[in-house]
Amino acid sequence: MDCLSDLASSQNIEFCPSWQENAVKARNGDYLVWCHFNYTDATCQVFVDTSVYSHIQAQMNSKIEALYASSGSKGKGKSKGGMGRGKGV
């Protein structure tokens, strides 16, 4: 959506997220970007309409790097010990 917002402001494209479909649609109902998540092997396929593909491809890596830089880490992982330990007999 971040890549599309840059394009939308420069080319006057209106779009809206469709959270239940993991997609971004144009106001006319056409799909611009949609994702297919595979939870068993922790992957995601991103499908991009040809009308916005070149713009998104040019910006995707820099947007992902900026996202990781702003979060401070790439994940928290599981900690050992601490909270959640039961008191046994």
PDB file of N, CA and C in Angstrom:
ATOM      1  N   MET A   1       0.828  -1.189   0.000  1.00  0.00           N
ATOM      2  CA  MET A   1       0.000   0.000   0.000  1.00  0.00           C
ATOM      3  C   MET A   1       0.867   1.244   0.000  1.00  0.00           C
ATOM      4  N   ASP A   2       2.008   1.152   0.636  1.00  0.00           N
ATOM      5  CA  ASP A   2       2.899   2.304   0.671  1.00  0.00           C
ATOM      6  C   ASP A   2       3.404   2.643  -0.724  1.00  0.00           C
ATOM      7  N   CYS A   3       3.760   1.631  -1.501  1.00  0.00           N
ATOM      8  CA  CYS A   3       4.191   1.857  -2.885  1.00  0.00           C
ATOM      9  C   CYS A   3       3.060   2.450  -3.717  1.00  0.00           C
ATOM     10  N   LEU A   4       1.854   1.980  -3.506  1.00  0.00           N
ATOM     11  CA  LEU A   4       0.719   2.486  -4.264  1.00  0.00           C
ATOM     12  C   LEU A   4       0.345   3.911  -3.884  1.00  0.00           C
ATOM     13  N   SER A   5       0.552   4.287  -2.639  1.00  0.00           N
ATOM     14  CA  SER A   5       0.166   5.641  -2.236  1.00  0.00           C
ATOM     15  C   SER A   5       1.000   6.691  -2.962  1.00  0.00           C
ATOM     16  N   ASP A   6       2.277   6.390  -3.226  1.00  0.00           N
ATOM     17  CA  ASP A   6       3.098   7.311  -4.011  1.00  0.00           C
ATOM     18  C   ASP A   6       2.551   7.448  -5.433  1.00  0.00           C
ATOM     19  N   LEU A   7       2.196   6.331  -6.027  1.00  0.00           N
ATOM     20  CA  LEU A   7       1.661   6.326  -7.386  1.00  0.00           C
ATOM     21  C   LEU A   7       0.294   7.002  -7.441  1.00  0.00           C
ATOM     22  N   ALA A   8      -0.525   6.752  -6.462  1.00  0.00           N
ATOM     23  CA  ALA A   8      -1.882   7.304  -6.447  1.00  0.00           C
ATOM     24  C   ALA A   8      -1.874   8.822  -6.409  1.00  0.00           C
ATOM     25  N   SER A   9      -0.962   9.394  -5.627  1.00  0.00           N
ATOM     26  CA  SER A   9      -0.925  10.856  -5.537  1.00  0.00           C
ATOM     27  C   SER A   9      -0.408  11.489  -6.826  1.00  0.00           C
ATOM     28  N   SER A  10       0.514  10.821  -7.514  1.00  0.00           N
ATOM     29  CA  SER A  10       1.063  11.395  -8.740  1.00  0.00           C
ATOM     30  C   SER A  10       0.158  11.181  -9.959  1.00  0.00           C
ATOM     31  N   GLN A  11      -0.622  10.098  -9.973  1.00  0.00           N
ATOM     32  CA  GLN A  11      -1.456   9.805 -11.144  1.00  0.00           C
ATOM     33  C   GLN A  11      -2.951   9.850 -10.846  1.00  0.00           C
ATOM     34  N   ASN A  12      -3.310  10.363  -9.700  1.00  0.00           N
ATOM     35  CA  ASN A  12      -4.711  10.525  -9.308  1.00  0.00           C
ATOM     36  C   ASN A  12      -5.494   9.209  -9.380  1.00  0.00           C
ATOM     37  N   ILE A  13      -4.913   8.153  -8.802  1.00  0.00           N
ATOM     38  CA  ILE A  13      -5.562   6.848  -8.718  1.00  0.00           C
ATOM     39  C   ILE A  13      -6.148   6.707  -7.313  1.00  0.00           C
ATOM     40  N   GLU A  14      -7.403   6.313  -7.245  1.00  0.00           N
ATOM     41  CA  GLU A  14      -8.023   6.074  -5.941  1.00  0.00           C
ATOM     42  C   GLU A  14      -8.045   4.579  -5.680  1.00  0.00           C
ATOM     43  N   PHE A  15      -7.599   4.175  -4.475  1.00  0.00           N
ATOM     44  CA  PHE A  15      -7.596   2.763  -4.124  1.00  0.00           C
ATOM     45  C   PHE A  15      -8.002   2.601  -2.672  1.00  0.00           C
ATOM     46  N   CYS A  16      -8.356   1.380  -2.309  1.00  0.00           N
ATOM     47  CA  CYS A  16      -8.727   1.095  -0.926  1.00  0.00           C
ATOM     48  C   CYS A  16      -8.327  -0.343  -0.598  1.00  0.00           C
ATOM     49  N   PRO A  17      -7.952  -0.583   0.658  1.00  0.00           N
ATOM     50  CA  PRO A  17      -7.602  -1.953   1.045  1.00  0.00           C
ATOM     51  C   PRO A  17      -8.855  -2.811   1.197  1.00  0.00           C
ATOM     52  N   SER A  18      -8.706  -4.074   0.902  1.00  0.00           N
ATOM     53  CA  SER A  18      -9.744  -5.057   1.151  1.00  0.00           C
ATOM     54  C   SER A  18      -9.121  -6.094   2.075  1.00  0.00           C
ATOM     55  N   TRP A  19      -9.176  -5.825   3.372  1.00  0.00           N
ATOM     56  CA  TRP A  19      -8.459  -6.629   4.362  1.00  0.00           C
ATOM     57  C   TRP A  19      -8.897  -8.082   4.350  1.00  0.00           C
ATOM     58  N   GLN A  20     -10.180  -8.350   4.200  1.00  0.00           N
ATOM     59  CA  GLN A  20     -10.660  -9.737   4.233  1.00  0.00           C
ATOM     60  C   GLN A  20     -10.172 -10.535   3.027  1.00  0.00           C
ATOM     61  N   GLU A  21      -9.770  -9.853   1.951  1.00  0.00           N
ATOM     62  CA  GLU A  21      -9.258 -10.531   0.766  1.00  0.00           C
ATOM     63  C   GLU A  21      -7.736 -10.415   0.633  1.00  0.00           C
ATOM     64  N   ASN A  22      -7.081  -9.771   1.605  1.00  0.00           N
ATOM     65  CA  ASN A  22      -5.635  -9.525   1.539  1.00  0.00           C
ATOM     66  C   ASN A  22      -5.273  -8.862   0.220  1.00  0.00           C
ATOM     67  N   ALA A  23      -6.003  -7.799  -0.110  1.00  0.00           N
ATOM     68  CA  ALA A  23      -5.837  -7.165  -1.412  1.00  0.00           C
ATOM     69  C   ALA A  23      -5.972  -5.653  -1.306  1.00  0.00           C
ATOM     70  N   VAL A  24      -5.539  -5.006  -2.364  1.00  0.00           N
ATOM     71  CA  VAL A  24      -5.769  -3.576  -2.551  1.00  0.00           C
ATOM     72  C   VAL A  24      -6.490  -3.434  -3.880  1.00  0.00           C
ATOM     73  N   LYS A  25      -7.620  -2.741  -3.848  1.00  0.00           N
ATOM     74  CA  LYS A  25      -8.436  -2.582  -5.047  1.00  0.00           C
ATOM     75  C   LYS A  25      -8.513  -1.115  -5.451  1.00  0.00           C
ATOM     76  N   ALA A  26      -8.670  -0.892  -6.752  1.00  0.00           N
ATOM     77  CA  ALA A  26      -8.987   0.440  -7.246  1.00  0.00           C
ATOM     78  C   ALA A  26     -10.446   0.718  -6.889  1.00  0.00           C
ATOM     79  N   ARG A  27     -10.823   1.977  -6.870  1.00  0.00           N
ATOM     80  CA  ARG A  27     -12.212   2.317  -6.514  1.00  0.00           C
ATOM     81  C   ARG A  27     -13.224   1.691  -7.466  1.00  0.00           C
ATOM     82  N   ASN A  28     -12.801   1.385  -8.698  1.00  0.00           N
ATOM     83  CA  ASN A  28     -13.729   0.760  -9.645  1.00  0.00           C
ATOM     84  C   ASN A  28     -13.882  -0.737  -9.408  1.00  0.00           C
ATOM     85  N   GLY A  29     -13.152  -1.299  -8.434  1.00  0.00           N
ATOM     86  CA  GLY A  29     -13.281  -2.709  -8.075  1.00  0.00           C
ATOM     87  C   GLY A  29     -12.200  -3.610  -8.633  1.00  0.00           C
ATOM     88  N   ASP A  30     -11.344  -3.079  -9.515  1.00  0.00           N
ATOM     89  CA  ASP A  30     -10.253  -3.891 -10.067  1.00  0.00           C
ATOM     90  C   ASP A  30      -9.193  -4.136  -8.998  1.00  0.00           C
ATOM     91  N   TYR A  31      -8.639  -5.348  -8.983  1.00  0.00           N
ATOM     92  CA  TYR A  31      -7.565  -5.677  -8.053  1.00  0.00           C
ATOM     93  C   TYR A  31      -6.257  -5.072  -8.555  1.00  0.00           C
ATOM     94  N   LEU A  32      -5.527  -4.401  -7.671  1.00  0.00           N
ATOM     95  CA  LEU A  32      -4.218  -3.864  -8.009  1.00  0.00           C
ATOM     96  C   LEU A  32      -3.117  -4.763  -7.453  1.00  0.00           C
ATOM     97  N   VAL A  33      -3.270  -5.168  -6.199  1.00  0.00           N
ATOM     98  CA  VAL A  33      -2.306  -6.043  -5.523  1.00  0.00           C
ATOM     99  C   VAL A  33      -3.088  -6.987  -4.627  1.00  0.00           C
ATOM    100  N   TRP A  34      -2.691  -8.254  -4.598  1.00  0.00           N
ATOM    101  CA  TRP A  34      -3.306  -9.193  -3.662  1.00  0.00           C
ATOM    102  C   TRP A  34      -2.258 -10.194  -3.217  1.00  0.00           C
ATOM    103  N   CYS A  35      -2.449 -10.722  -2.025  1.00  0.00           N
ATOM    104  CA  CYS A  35      -1.472 -11.632  -1.422  1.00  0.00           C
ATOM    105  C   CYS A  35      -2.124 -12.976  -1.122  1.00  0.00           C
ATOM    106  N   HIS A  36      -1.332 -14.009  -1.281  1.00  0.00           N
ATOM    107  CA  HIS A  36      -1.770 -15.349  -0.902  1.00  0.00           C
ATOM    108  C   HIS A  36      -0.789 -15.866   0.146  1.00  0.00           C
ATOM    109  N   PHE A  37      -1.278 -16.053   1.361  1.00  0.00           N
ATOM    110  CA  PHE A  37      -0.439 -16.525   2.461  1.00  0.00           C
ATOM    111  C   PHE A  37      -0.534 -18.038   2.571  1.00  0.00           C
ATOM    112  N   ASN A  38       0.612 -18.681   2.749  1.00  0.00           N
ATOM    113  CA  ASN A  38       0.672 -20.109   2.999  1.00  0.00           C
ATOM    114  C   ASN A  38       1.256 -20.274   4.394  1.00  0.00           C
ATOM    115  N   TYR A  39       0.398 -20.590   5.342  1.00  0.00           N
ATOM    116  CA  TYR A  39       0.822 -20.645   6.732  1.00  0.00           C
ATOM    117  C   TYR A  39       1.625 -21.902   7.058  1.00  0.00           C
ATOM    118  N   THR A  40       1.482 -22.961   6.277  1.00  0.00           N
ATOM    119  CA  THR A  40       2.210 -24.188   6.585  1.00  0.00           C
ATOM    120  C   THR A  40       3.708 -24.054   6.338  1.00  0.00           C
ATOM    121  N   ASP A  41       4.101 -23.296   5.321  1.00  0.00           N
ATOM    122  CA  ASP A  41       5.535 -23.099   5.099  1.00  0.00           C
ATOM    123  C   ASP A  41       5.962 -21.636   5.236  1.00  0.00           C
ATOM    124  N   ALA A  42       5.116 -20.821   5.830  1.00  0.00           N
ATOM    125  CA  ALA A  42       5.414 -19.413   6.158  1.00  0.00           C
ATOM    126  C   ALA A  42       5.898 -18.618   4.948  1.00  0.00           C
ATOM    127  N   THR A  43       5.121 -18.679   3.867  1.00  0.00           N
ATOM    128  CA  THR A  43       5.451 -17.906   2.677  1.00  0.00           C
ATOM    129  C   THR A  43       4.263 -17.057   2.258  1.00  0.00           C
ATOM    130  N   CYS A  44       4.555 -16.082   1.422  1.00  0.00           N
ATOM    131  CA  CYS A  44       3.509 -15.229   0.884  1.00  0.00           C
ATOM    132  C   CYS A  44       3.826 -14.945  -0.576  1.00  0.00           C
ATOM    133  N   GLN A  45       2.844 -15.126  -1.434  1.00  0.00           N
ATOM    134  CA  GLN A  45       2.976 -14.756  -2.832  1.00  0.00           C
ATOM    135  C   GLN A  45       2.239 -13.439  -3.026  1.00  0.00           C
ATOM    136  N   VAL A  46       2.901 -12.480  -3.659  1.00  0.00           N
ATOM    137  CA  VAL A  46       2.302 -11.178  -3.918  1.00  0.00           C
ATOM    138  C   VAL A  46       2.037 -11.079  -5.414  1.00  0.00           C
ATOM    139  N   PHE A  47       0.797 -10.839  -5.773  1.00  0.00           N
ATOM    140  CA  PHE A  47       0.393 -10.689  -7.164  1.00  0.00           C
ATOM    141  C   PHE A  47       0.119  -9.215  -7.428  1.00  0.00           C
ATOM    142  N   VAL A  48       0.649  -8.709  -8.530  1.00  0.00           N
ATOM    143  CA  VAL A  48       0.523  -7.282  -8.848  1.00  0.00           C
ATOM    144  C   VAL A  48      -0.023  -7.136 -10.260  1.00  0.00           C
ATOM    145  N   ASP A  49      -1.031  -6.292 -10.416  1.00  0.00           N
ATOM    146  CA  ASP A  49      -1.609  -6.026 -11.724  1.00  0.00           C
ATOM    147  C   ASP A  49      -0.582  -5.333 -12.618  1.00  0.00           C
ATOM    148  N   THR A  50      -0.638  -5.624 -13.905  1.00  0.00           N
ATOM    149  CA  THR A  50       0.340  -5.053 -14.841  1.00  0.00           C
ATOM    150  C   THR A  50       0.298  -3.533 -14.895  1.00  0.00           C
ATOM    151  N   SER A  51      -0.837  -2.936 -14.567  1.00  0.00           N
ATOM    152  CA  SER A  51      -0.958  -1.473 -14.628  1.00  0.00           C
ATOM    153  C   SER A  51      -0.106  -0.768 -13.575  1.00  0.00           C
ATOM    154  N   VAL A  52       0.247  -1.448 -12.490  1.00  0.00           N
ATOM    155  CA  VAL A  52       1.048  -0.826 -11.426  1.00  0.00           C
ATOM    156  C   VAL A  52       2.345  -1.574 -11.146  1.00  0.00           C
ATOM    157  N   TYR A  53       2.607  -2.647 -11.896  1.00  0.00           N
ATOM    158  CA  TYR A  53       3.751  -3.507 -11.617  1.00  0.00           C
ATOM    159  C   TYR A  53       5.087  -2.769 -11.651  1.00  0.00           C
ATOM    160  N   SER A  54       5.377  -2.036 -12.697  1.00  0.00           N
ATOM    161  CA  SER A  54       6.702  -1.407 -12.829  1.00  0.00           C
ATOM    162  C   SER A  54       6.956  -0.409 -11.695  1.00  0.00           C
ATOM    163  N   HIS A  55       5.932   0.293 -11.277  1.00  0.00           N
ATOM    164  CA  HIS A  55       6.090   1.248 -10.176  1.00  0.00           C
ATOM    165  C   HIS A  55       6.377   0.526  -8.861  1.00  0.00           C
ATOM    166  N   ILE A  56       5.640  -0.526  -8.582  1.00  0.00           N
ATOM    167  CA  ILE A  56       5.832  -1.272  -7.339  1.00  0.00           C
ATOM    168  C   ILE A  56       7.177  -1.990  -7.339  1.00  0.00           C
ATOM    169  N   GLN A  57       7.558  -2.587  -8.462  1.00  0.00           N
ATOM    170  CA  GLN A  57       8.830  -3.296  -8.539  1.00  0.00           C
ATOM    171  C   GLN A  57       9.998  -2.346  -8.246  1.00  0.00           C
ATOM    172  N   ALA A  58       9.919  -1.128  -8.729  1.00  0.00           N
ATOM    173  CA  ALA A  58      10.998  -0.161  -8.530  1.00  0.00           C
ATOM    174  C   ALA A  58      11.138   0.267  -7.070  1.00  0.00           C
ATOM    175  N   GLN A  59      10.061   0.215  -6.297  1.00  0.00           N
ATOM    176  CA  GLN A  59      10.083   0.725  -4.926  1.00  0.00           C
ATOM    177  C   GLN A  59      10.055  -0.338  -3.838  1.00  0.00           C
ATOM    178  N   MET A  60       9.739  -1.562  -4.170  1.00  0.00           N
ATOM    179  CA  MET A  60       9.476  -2.588  -3.157  1.00  0.00           C
ATOM    180  C   MET A  60      10.642  -2.800  -2.191  1.00  0.00           C
ATOM    181  N   ASN A  61      11.855  -2.991  -2.696  1.00  0.00           N
ATOM    182  CA  ASN A  61      12.985  -3.269  -1.810  1.00  0.00           C
ATOM    183  C   ASN A  61      13.257  -2.124  -0.849  1.00  0.00           C
ATOM    184  N   SER A  62      13.207  -0.882  -1.332  1.00  0.00           N
ATOM    185  CA  SER A  62      13.472   0.250  -0.438  1.00  0.00           C
ATOM    186  C   SER A  62      12.380   0.404   0.615  1.00  0.00           C
ATOM    187  N   LYS A  63      11.137   0.101   0.260  1.00  0.00           N
ATOM    188  CA  LYS A  63      10.037   0.185   1.236  1.00  0.00           C
ATOM    189  C   LYS A  63      10.182  -0.894   2.315  1.00  0.00           C
ATOM    190  N   ILE A  64      10.588  -2.105   1.929  1.00  0.00           N
ATOM    191  CA  ILE A  64      10.781  -3.184   2.906  1.00  0.00           C
ATOM    192  C   ILE A  64      11.947  -2.858   3.831  1.00  0.00           C
ATOM    193  N   GLU A  65      13.051  -2.349   3.281  1.00  0.00           N
ATOM    194  CA  GLU A  65      14.197  -1.962   4.110  1.00  0.00           C
ATOM    195  C   GLU A  65      13.813  -0.868   5.102  1.00  0.00           C
ATOM    196  N   ALA A  66      13.035   0.104   4.662  1.00  0.00           N
ATOM    197  CA  ALA A  66      12.591   1.171   5.563  1.00  0.00           C
ATOM    198  C   ALA A  66      11.690   0.623   6.667  1.00  0.00           C
ATOM    199  N   LEU A  67      10.860  -0.349   6.343  1.00  0.00           N
ATOM    200  CA  LEU A  67       9.989  -0.965   7.343  1.00  0.00           C
ATOM    201  C   LEU A  67      10.800  -1.676   8.408  1.00  0.00           C
ATOM    202  N   TYR A  68      11.793  -2.473   7.986  1.00  0.00           N
ATOM    203  CA  TYR A  68      12.652  -3.163   8.950  1.00  0.00           C
ATOM    204  C   TYR A  68      13.454  -2.176   9.794  1.00  0.00           C
ATOM    205  N   ALA A  69      13.938  -1.112   9.191  1.00  0.00           N
ATOM    206  CA  ALA A  69      14.730  -0.123   9.922  1.00  0.00           C
ATOM    207  C   ALA A  69      13.894   0.589  10.979  1.00  0.00           C
ATOM    208  N   SER A  70      12.633   0.841  10.679  1.00  0.00           N
ATOM    209  CA  SER A  70      11.780   1.541  11.636  1.00  0.00           C
ATOM    210  C   SER A  70      11.311   0.649  12.775  1.00  0.00           C
ATOM    211  N   SER A  71      11.291  -0.670  12.552  1.00  0.00           N
ATOM    212  CA  SER A  71      10.804  -1.578  13.597  1.00  0.00           C
ATOM    213  C   SER A  71      11.894  -1.909  14.612  1.00  0.00           C
ATOM    214  N   GLY A  72      13.151  -1.750  14.251  1.00  0.00           N
ATOM    215  CA  GLY A  72      14.238  -2.012  15.182  1.00  0.00           C
ATOM    216  C   GLY A  72      14.744  -3.438  15.164  1.00  0.00           C
ATOM    217  N   SER A  73      13.952  -4.368  14.642  1.00  0.00           N
ATOM    218  CA  SER A  73      14.405  -5.753  14.535  1.00  0.00           C
ATOM    219  C   SER A  73      13.576  -6.458  13.494  1.00  0.00           C
ATOM    220  N   LYS A  74      13.996  -7.652  13.124  1.00  0.00           N
ATOM    221  CA  LYS A  74      13.267  -8.430  12.130  1.00  0.00           C
ATOM    222  C   LYS A  74      12.366  -9.463  12.777  1.00  0.00           C
ATOM    223  N   GLY A  75      12.249  -9.451  14.078  1.00  0.00           N
ATOM    224  CA  GLY A  75      11.397 -10.413  14.760  1.00  0.00           C
ATOM    225  C   GLY A  75      11.843 -10.562  16.194  1.00  0.00           C
ATOM    226  N   LYS A  76      10.969 -11.057  17.027  1.00  0.00           N
ATOM    227  CA  LYS A  76      11.296 -11.163  18.445  1.00  0.00           C
ATOM    228  C   LYS A  76      11.681 -12.573  18.850  1.00  0.00           C
ATOM    229  N   GLY A  77      11.173 -13.564  18.179  1.00  0.00           N
ATOM    230  CA  GLY A  77      11.503 -14.938  18.549  1.00  0.00           C
ATOM    231  C   GLY A  77      10.932 -15.307  19.907  1.00  0.00           C
ATOM    232  N   LYS A  78      11.236 -16.504  20.353  1.00  0.00           N
ATOM    233  CA  LYS A  78      10.739 -16.982  21.646  1.00  0.00           C
ATOM    234  C   LYS A  78      11.835 -16.860  22.680  1.00  0.00           C
ATOM    235  N   SER A  79      11.447 -16.392  23.840  1.00  0.00           N
ATOM    236  CA  SER A  79      12.430 -16.286  24.921  1.00  0.00           C
ATOM    237  C   SER A  79      12.401 -17.561  25.760  1.00  0.00           C
ATOM    238  N   LYS A  80      13.481 -17.820  26.438  1.00  0.00           N
ATOM    239  CA  LYS A  80      13.554 -19.000  27.293  1.00  0.00           C
ATOM    240  C   LYS A  80      13.281 -18.591  28.735  1.00  0.00           C
ATOM    241  N   GLY A  81      12.503 -19.402  29.403  1.00  0.00           N
ATOM    242  CA  GLY A  81      12.210 -19.140  30.810  1.00  0.00           C
ATOM    243  C   GLY A  81      11.265 -17.966  31.006  1.00  0.00           C
ATOM    244  N   GLY A  82      11.234 -17.457  32.211  1.00  0.00           N
ATOM    245  CA  GLY A  82      10.439 -16.265  32.502  1.00  0.00           C
ATOM    246  C   GLY A  82       8.963 -16.569  32.602  1.00  0.00           C
ATOM    247  N   MET A  83       8.135 -15.698  32.096  1.00  0.00           N
ATOM    248  CA  MET A  83       6.675 -15.807  32.180  1.00  0.00           C
ATOM    249  C   MET A  83       6.183 -17.114  31.556  1.00  0.00           C
ATOM    250  N   GLY A  84       5.081 -17.585  32.092  1.00  0.00           N
ATOM    251  CA  GLY A  84       4.444 -18.768  31.535  1.00  0.00           C
ATOM    252  C   GLY A  84       4.863 -20.076  32.187  1.00  0.00           C
ATOM    253  N   ARG A  85       5.802 -20.035  33.101  1.00  0.00           N
ATOM    254  CA  ARG A  85       6.200 -21.277  33.773  1.00  0.00           C
ATOM    255  C   ARG A  85       5.220 -21.581  34.902  1.00  0.00           C
ATOM    256  N   GLY A  86       4.750 -22.776  34.915  1.00  0.00           N
ATOM    257  CA  GLY A  86       3.838 -23.172  35.977  1.00  0.00           C
ATOM    258  C   GLY A  86       4.597 -23.572  37.240  1.00  0.00           C
ATOM    259  N   LYS A  87       3.916 -23.544  38.356  1.00  0.00           N
ATOM    260  CA  LYS A  87       4.532 -23.967  39.613  1.00  0.00           C
ATOM    261  C   LYS A  87       4.167 -25.434  39.813  1.00  0.00           C
ATOM    262  N   GLY A  88       5.148 -26.271  39.682  1.00  0.00           N
ATOM    263  CA  GLY A  88       4.922 -27.719  39.796  1.00  0.00           C
ATOM    264  C   GLY A  88       4.910 -28.191  41.228  1.00  0.00           C
ATOM    265  N   VAL A  89       4.665 -29.461  41.406  1.00  0.00           N
ATOM    266  CA  VAL A  89       4.649 -30.075  42.736  1.00  0.00           C
ATOM    267  C   VAL A  89       6.054 -30.233  43.243  1.00  0.00           C
TER     268      VAL A  89
END
